[in-house]
């Protein structure tokens, strides 16, 4: 029911936030394969919670990491992080009104 949906979304937001923090560490360590795998997970989870921009940026980051496109990765990661925080804030605000 609605309570489970709210729990699922809140749990997903926490999971995505943790994954983004981990991706940042992996990028700093130049572990692009692991970063790509986590970005893939974010694509699915954020898509399931309606965070479309976050999902699309995670997919882009996954592809860039897979192709070792170092020049674009930092910018896309920053966009991903900003998009996540924006969409998560909107979702939490919506859930708080339920």
N, C-alpha and C. Protein backbone atom coordinates (compact mmCIF):
# COMPACT_ATOMS: atom_id res chain seq x y z
N UNK A 1 0.80 -1.18 0.00
CA UNK A 1 0.00 0.00 0.00
C UNK A 1 0.86 1.26 0.00
N UNK A 2 0.26 2.37 0.29
CA UNK A 2 0.95 3.66 0.26
C UNK A 2 2.11 3.74 1.25
N UNK A 3 1.95 3.10 2.42
CA UNK A 3 3.03 3.13 3.40
C UNK A 3 4.27 2.43 2.89
N UNK A 4 4.08 1.29 2.22
CA UNK A 4 5.22 0.57 1.66
C UNK A 4 5.87 1.38 0.55
N UNK A 5 5.07 2.02 -0.28
CA UNK A 5 5.62 2.84 -1.37
C UNK A 5 6.49 3.96 -0.81
N UNK A 6 6.02 4.62 0.23
CA UNK A 6 6.81 5.69 0.86
C UNK A 6 8.10 5.13 1.44
N UNK A 7 8.02 3.97 2.10
CA UNK A 7 9.22 3.33 2.65
C UNK A 7 10.19 2.99 1.53
N UNK A 8 9.67 2.42 0.43
CA UNK A 8 10.51 2.04 -0.70
C UNK A 8 11.25 3.25 -1.27
N UNK A 9 10.54 4.35 -1.45
CA UNK A 9 11.16 5.55 -2.01
C UNK A 9 12.22 6.10 -1.06
N UNK A 10 11.90 6.20 0.22
CA UNK A 10 12.88 6.72 1.19
C UNK A 10 14.12 5.82 1.26
N UNK A 11 13.90 4.52 1.27
CA UNK A 11 15.01 3.56 1.30
C UNK A 11 15.86 3.69 0.03
N UNK A 12 15.20 3.85 -1.10
CA UNK A 12 15.90 3.99 -2.38
C UNK A 12 16.74 5.27 -2.40
N UNK A 13 16.20 6.36 -1.88
CA UNK A 13 16.94 7.61 -1.81
C UNK A 13 18.22 7.42 -1.00
N UNK A 14 18.11 6.74 0.13
CA UNK A 14 19.29 6.47 0.95
C UNK A 14 20.31 5.61 0.23
N UNK A 15 19.82 4.61 -0.47
CA UNK A 15 20.70 3.71 -1.23
C UNK A 15 21.43 4.45 -2.35
N UNK A 16 20.71 5.31 -3.06
CA UNK A 16 21.33 6.09 -4.14
C UNK A 16 22.37 7.04 -3.57
N UNK A 17 22.04 7.72 -2.48
CA UNK A 17 22.99 8.64 -1.85
C UNK A 17 24.28 7.93 -1.45
N UNK A 18 24.15 6.75 -0.86
CA UNK A 18 25.33 5.97 -0.48
C UNK A 18 26.14 5.57 -1.71
N UNK A 19 25.45 5.18 -2.77
CA UNK A 19 26.14 4.77 -4.00
C UNK A 19 26.88 5.95 -4.63
N UNK A 20 26.29 7.12 -4.61
CA UNK A 20 26.97 8.30 -5.16
C UNK A 20 28.21 8.63 -4.35
N UNK A 21 28.12 8.55 -3.04
CA UNK A 21 29.31 8.76 -2.19
C UNK A 21 30.41 7.76 -2.53
N UNK A 22 30.02 6.51 -2.75
CA UNK A 22 30.99 5.46 -3.08
C UNK A 22 31.59 5.69 -4.47
N UNK A 23 30.77 6.11 -5.42
CA UNK A 23 31.28 6.40 -6.77
C UNK A 23 32.34 7.49 -6.71
N UNK A 24 32.10 8.51 -5.90
CA UNK A 24 33.08 9.60 -5.78
C UNK A 24 34.43 9.05 -5.33
N UNK A 25 34.42 8.16 -4.34
CA UNK A 25 35.66 7.54 -3.86
C UNK A 25 36.30 6.68 -4.95
N UNK A 26 35.48 5.92 -5.66
CA UNK A 26 36.00 5.06 -6.72
C UNK A 26 36.62 5.88 -7.86
N UNK A 27 35.99 7.00 -8.20
CA UNK A 27 36.54 7.85 -9.25
C UNK A 27 37.88 8.43 -8.82
N UNK A 28 37.98 8.82 -7.56
CA UNK A 28 39.24 9.35 -7.05
C UNK A 28 40.34 8.29 -7.08
N UNK A 29 39.94 7.04 -6.89
CA UNK A 29 40.89 5.92 -6.93
C UNK A 29 41.09 5.38 -8.36
N UNK A 30 40.43 6.00 -9.33
CA UNK A 30 40.51 5.60 -10.75
C UNK A 30 40.02 4.17 -10.98
N UNK A 31 39.06 3.74 -10.16
CA UNK A 31 38.45 2.42 -10.33
C UNK A 31 37.16 2.60 -11.14
N UNK A 32 37.33 2.77 -12.45
CA UNK A 32 36.20 3.09 -13.31
C UNK A 32 35.24 1.92 -13.50
N UNK A 33 35.76 0.71 -13.46
CA UNK A 33 34.89 -0.46 -13.63
C UNK A 33 33.89 -0.55 -12.48
N UNK A 34 34.35 -0.40 -11.25
CA UNK A 34 33.46 -0.45 -10.10
C UNK A 34 32.51 0.74 -10.09
N UNK A 35 33.00 1.91 -10.50
CA UNK A 35 32.15 3.10 -10.59
C UNK A 35 31.04 2.89 -11.61
N UNK A 36 31.38 2.28 -12.74
CA UNK A 36 30.39 1.99 -13.78
C UNK A 36 29.32 1.03 -13.27
N UNK A 37 29.74 0.02 -12.50
CA UNK A 37 28.78 -0.94 -11.94
C UNK A 37 27.80 -0.25 -10.98
N UNK A 38 28.31 0.62 -10.13
CA UNK A 38 27.44 1.34 -9.20
C UNK A 38 26.53 2.31 -9.95
N UNK A 39 27.06 2.96 -10.97
CA UNK A 39 26.23 3.87 -11.77
C UNK A 39 25.09 3.09 -12.43
N UNK A 40 25.37 1.86 -12.85
CA UNK A 40 24.33 1.01 -13.43
C UNK A 40 23.22 0.76 -12.41
N UNK A 41 23.61 0.48 -11.17
CA UNK A 41 22.62 0.25 -10.11
C UNK A 41 21.78 1.50 -9.87
N UNK A 42 22.43 2.67 -9.87
CA UNK A 42 21.71 3.92 -9.66
C UNK A 42 20.71 4.15 -10.78
N UNK A 43 21.08 3.81 -12.00
CA UNK A 43 20.17 3.96 -13.14
C UNK A 43 18.85 3.24 -12.87
N UNK A 44 18.95 2.02 -12.41
CA UNK A 44 17.74 1.23 -12.15
C UNK A 44 16.95 1.75 -10.96
N UNK A 45 17.63 1.96 -9.85
CA UNK A 45 16.93 2.37 -8.63
C UNK A 45 16.27 3.73 -8.80
N UNK A 46 17.01 4.68 -9.38
CA UNK A 46 16.43 6.01 -9.54
C UNK A 46 15.30 6.00 -10.56
N UNK A 47 15.41 5.17 -11.58
CA UNK A 47 14.32 5.04 -12.54
C UNK A 47 13.06 4.50 -11.89
N UNK A 48 13.22 3.55 -10.98
CA UNK A 48 12.07 2.95 -10.29
C UNK A 48 11.39 3.92 -9.33
N UNK A 49 12.09 4.97 -8.93
CA UNK A 49 11.51 5.92 -7.99
C UNK A 49 11.11 7.23 -8.66
N UNK A 50 11.18 7.28 -9.99
CA UNK A 50 10.74 8.46 -10.71
C UNK A 50 11.78 9.56 -10.83
N UNK A 51 13.02 9.25 -10.51
CA UNK A 51 14.09 10.24 -10.59
C UNK A 51 14.73 10.14 -11.98
N UNK A 52 14.02 10.62 -12.97
CA UNK A 52 14.40 10.39 -14.36
C UNK A 52 15.73 11.04 -14.73
N UNK A 53 15.94 12.29 -14.33
CA UNK A 53 17.20 12.96 -14.68
C UNK A 53 18.38 12.25 -14.02
N UNK A 54 18.23 11.87 -12.77
CA UNK A 54 19.28 11.14 -12.07
C UNK A 54 19.57 9.82 -12.78
N UNK A 55 18.54 9.13 -13.19
CA UNK A 55 18.70 7.86 -13.90
C UNK A 55 19.46 8.06 -15.21
N UNK A 56 19.07 9.08 -15.97
CA UNK A 56 19.74 9.34 -17.26
C UNK A 56 21.20 9.72 -17.07
N UNK A 57 21.50 10.53 -16.07
CA UNK A 57 22.89 10.93 -15.81
C UNK A 57 23.72 9.74 -15.32
N UNK A 58 23.12 8.87 -14.53
CA UNK A 58 23.83 7.67 -14.07
C UNK A 58 24.16 6.77 -15.26
N UNK A 59 23.22 6.66 -16.19
CA UNK A 59 23.47 5.86 -17.40
C UNK A 59 24.63 6.47 -18.21
N UNK A 60 24.63 7.79 -18.33
CA UNK A 60 25.72 8.47 -19.05
C UNK A 60 27.05 8.24 -18.35
N UNK A 61 27.06 8.35 -17.02
CA UNK A 61 28.30 8.13 -16.27
C UNK A 61 28.79 6.70 -16.46
N UNK A 62 27.88 5.75 -16.42
CA UNK A 62 28.25 4.34 -16.62
C UNK A 62 28.96 4.17 -17.97
N UNK A 63 28.39 4.76 -19.01
CA UNK A 63 28.97 4.64 -20.35
C UNK A 63 30.34 5.32 -20.42
N UNK A 64 30.45 6.50 -19.83
CA UNK A 64 31.74 7.22 -19.84
C UNK A 64 32.82 6.42 -19.11
N UNK A 65 32.46 5.85 -17.98
CA UNK A 65 33.43 5.04 -17.23
C UNK A 65 33.83 3.82 -18.03
N UNK A 66 32.87 3.21 -18.70
CA UNK A 66 33.16 2.03 -19.51
C UNK A 66 34.08 2.33 -20.68
N UNK A 67 34.00 3.57 -21.19
CA UNK A 67 34.86 3.98 -22.31
C UNK A 67 36.10 4.74 -21.85
N UNK A 68 36.26 4.87 -20.54
CA UNK A 68 37.43 5.55 -19.96
C UNK A 68 37.57 6.99 -20.48
N UNK A 69 36.45 7.70 -20.55
CA UNK A 69 36.45 9.08 -21.03
C UNK A 69 36.65 10.03 -19.86
N UNK A 70 37.91 10.11 -19.43
CA UNK A 70 38.28 10.85 -18.23
C UNK A 70 37.88 12.32 -18.27
N UNK A 71 37.92 12.92 -19.45
CA UNK A 71 37.68 14.37 -19.52
C UNK A 71 36.25 14.75 -19.17
N UNK A 72 35.28 13.87 -19.43
CA UNK A 72 33.88 14.20 -19.19
C UNK A 72 33.33 13.66 -17.88
N UNK A 73 34.01 12.70 -17.29
CA UNK A 73 33.50 12.03 -16.08
C UNK A 73 33.27 13.00 -14.92
N UNK A 74 34.22 13.89 -14.59
CA UNK A 74 33.97 14.78 -13.43
C UNK A 74 32.73 15.66 -13.60
N UNK A 75 32.53 16.21 -14.79
CA UNK A 75 31.39 17.07 -15.03
C UNK A 75 30.08 16.29 -14.89
N UNK A 76 30.01 15.12 -15.50
CA UNK A 76 28.79 14.31 -15.43
C UNK A 76 28.55 13.84 -13.99
N UNK A 77 29.61 13.52 -13.26
CA UNK A 77 29.42 13.12 -11.86
C UNK A 77 28.84 14.29 -11.06
N UNK A 78 29.35 15.49 -11.27
CA UNK A 78 28.81 16.67 -10.56
C UNK A 78 27.34 16.87 -10.90
N UNK A 79 26.99 16.71 -12.18
CA UNK A 79 25.60 16.83 -12.60
C UNK A 79 24.73 15.76 -11.95
N UNK A 80 25.24 14.54 -11.89
CA UNK A 80 24.52 13.43 -11.26
C UNK A 80 24.26 13.74 -9.78
N UNK A 81 25.28 14.17 -9.09
CA UNK A 81 25.16 14.48 -7.66
C UNK A 81 24.14 15.59 -7.43
N UNK A 82 24.21 16.65 -8.22
CA UNK A 82 23.28 17.77 -8.07
C UNK A 82 21.85 17.34 -8.40
N UNK A 83 21.69 16.58 -9.45
CA UNK A 83 20.36 16.11 -9.85
C UNK A 83 19.76 15.23 -8.77
N UNK A 84 20.55 14.32 -8.24
CA UNK A 84 20.07 13.44 -7.18
C UNK A 84 19.56 14.25 -6.00
N UNK A 85 20.36 15.21 -5.54
CA UNK A 85 19.96 15.99 -4.36
C UNK A 85 18.68 16.79 -4.64
N UNK A 86 18.57 17.32 -5.83
CA UNK A 86 17.37 18.08 -6.20
C UNK A 86 16.13 17.18 -6.25
N UNK A 87 16.24 16.07 -6.95
CA UNK A 87 15.10 15.16 -7.08
C UNK A 87 14.76 14.50 -5.74
N UNK A 88 15.76 14.16 -4.95
CA UNK A 88 15.51 13.55 -3.65
C UNK A 88 14.78 14.53 -2.73
N UNK A 89 15.16 15.80 -2.77
CA UNK A 89 14.50 16.81 -1.96
C UNK A 89 13.04 16.94 -2.34
N UNK A 90 12.77 16.96 -3.64
CA UNK A 90 11.38 17.04 -4.10
C UNK A 90 10.56 15.82 -3.66
N UNK A 91 11.14 14.64 -3.81
CA UNK A 91 10.43 13.42 -3.40
C UNK A 91 10.17 13.41 -1.90
N UNK A 92 11.18 13.77 -1.12
CA UNK A 92 11.00 13.78 0.34
C UNK A 92 9.94 14.79 0.74
N UNK A 93 9.93 15.93 0.08
CA UNK A 93 8.92 16.95 0.35
C UNK A 93 7.52 16.41 0.05
N UNK A 94 7.41 15.74 -1.08
CA UNK A 94 6.12 15.14 -1.46
C UNK A 94 5.69 14.08 -0.45
N UNK A 95 6.62 13.23 -0.05
CA UNK A 95 6.29 12.17 0.90
C UNK A 95 5.91 12.74 2.25
N UNK A 96 6.53 13.85 2.62
CA UNK A 96 6.22 14.48 3.89
C UNK A 96 4.80 15.02 3.95
N UNK A 97 4.19 15.23 2.80
CA UNK A 97 2.84 15.78 2.74
C UNK A 97 1.78 14.68 2.67
N UNK A 98 2.22 13.44 2.68
CA UNK A 98 1.27 12.33 2.58
C UNK A 98 0.67 12.00 3.94
